Amino acid sequence: MEKYIISLDLGTTNVKVALYNSKLEEINVTSLKVTYSNKGDFVEFDPENYWDLCRESIKKSIKNSTIDPKTIASISITGQAESLILLDTNYRPLRMAISWLDERSKEECEILSSRFQREDGYKITGLPEMITTVPITKILWIKRNEPEIFDRAHKFLLIKDFIIFKLTHSFISEYSTYSFSYYFDIVKKKYWEEILDFVNVKKEQLPELLEPGETAARVSTEIADEFNFARNTEVNTGALDHFAGMIGVGNIKEGILSETTGTVLALAMLTKVPYINEYSQPCHCSALKNRYVLLPVCESGGISLEWFRDNFYGNMDYDLLNKEIEKFPGSENDLIFLPYITGANAPEFNSNARGVFYGIRSKHKKADFARSVMEGITFLLRKNVEYLERMGMSVENIISLGGGSKSALWNQMKADITGKDIIIPANKEATSFGAAILSAVKSGFYKSIEEAVDKLIAVKETYRPKEGKFYDKNYNTFIYLYDSLTPVFNS
């Protein structure tokens, strides 16, 4: 009898369910939109409504595929990391979930930063900055601002733990997700008790942590009855979405860099040892056992091109925008753009940095500016690649993902500017696919992740460097401009 795997992607924008057979051929994908309550810095969502979206998505996927639910071997969980949920002694949410996007805990960041030295926190957690994203700051905010809720909290969970609990009645999670919490020791693979003591949270109030890709538990009797699952259907811990996606495109060995040009520019690279040193790059537990991930993130990535398009091209379709840019060769473009419209993250970490156009002349057309925005984002990619190489990493080639990878123009530009081959994977659902691979290996469909990747991952296209020399001068100007303007940014 054919067996199936469900990948449940707990996204920020959407809950997505992908259904695969035992050969990991995609059968069905279902997606439902998540709604939020946004009030200034406060970004919240209803955890029970989120669970209802998961339930509805699973049921729709099964119905649309017409398979027998009892043939589902496992459900693999992936998705976001830092959204916080508090449960009472009856395991009901005490309040709305606080999204990872929420920025209310700025004061708590200062309190925690004054108590725990940045260098010590980095060596333990792999996180170079205490920022509002991390759950420890949200926990402290609740303690200081909603003490009655804090005192009633029986469990402090992240969104993945909550959904695993709903499916299994067990409190289980995994290392890769908790390496974003700021209360997990990524080297010792256990909770950081000193910082938990500071915010008055006990280990017993947190989930048990396993390796990514392990069986958390079997579905509960109630879930088996509701969905008509077999009693032995397993729920897999999966991995964080970024790291499941690395598996989903074949980034499972050192020397390969994944880059995602979406709203942000995010890079991901495997390493055998945690690079927690003076370089201060975010370092996390990966989806692979005894492997870590360096994860530089630049918030001013694709959002810079989106900003320019929306304001100067009236929301023009990106394919048409690419055609406009292609009319003006890069070799003739000496216009430089610093893409720091939301500040600078990796590798500079300077929130005071701002976007800049440099070298404007009367000859420049609107498309020249558009090209310079695209080039500026790619210069930032090269800057991060060179930073990783200075750390001792060997970047052999780059796997490109996200909306930016749909542009042949941009892919070739990335190859020319970085001097690396840019590989476009054939698989479009990398995150769900990677989570499915983890579950398929645990279920015995494949002997190992390596075997599954070798058999399943295909390359759609490879872009090789052609005309990088004329970019070098502009890149050097790009570096010089940022260094020269830093005192102005900080003044």
Foldseek 3Di string as FASTA:
>chain_A
DKAKEWEFALEPFWTKIWIAILLRDTQDMFIDGFDWDDDPLFTFGALVVSLVRSVVNVLVRCVVSVDQQQRYQAYFYAYAFAWKFFAFPVRDTPDTITALSRQPLPVLQVVVCVVDPQLRLCQFLLANGSGSSANLSVLLCCCVPVVVSNVRGQAMEHSLQSNVCQFAVAREAEFQRCSRHSQAGQVVGGGNVVSCVVSVHDPSRHHHYDAALAFPHFGDPVNCVVNVYDRNRTYGNHHYLVQLLCLLQPQDDFQEWEWEQALKTKIKGKDQDSPSDPQRFRKGCHNDPSIIIGIFIWNLGNVLLVVLCVVPVVPDDVVVLLVLLVVDDPLPQLKAKARQCQHGTPPPHGRLDHIDIPDDDPPDDSSSVSVNSLLNNLLSVLVRVVSVVVSVGNHAAYEYAYPQVVDPVSQLSNQLANVHKYWYKPDNSSSSSSSVLSNSCNVPSDVDSVRSCVPPTGTPDIHHHDHNPSVVVSSVVNVVVCVVCVVVSVD
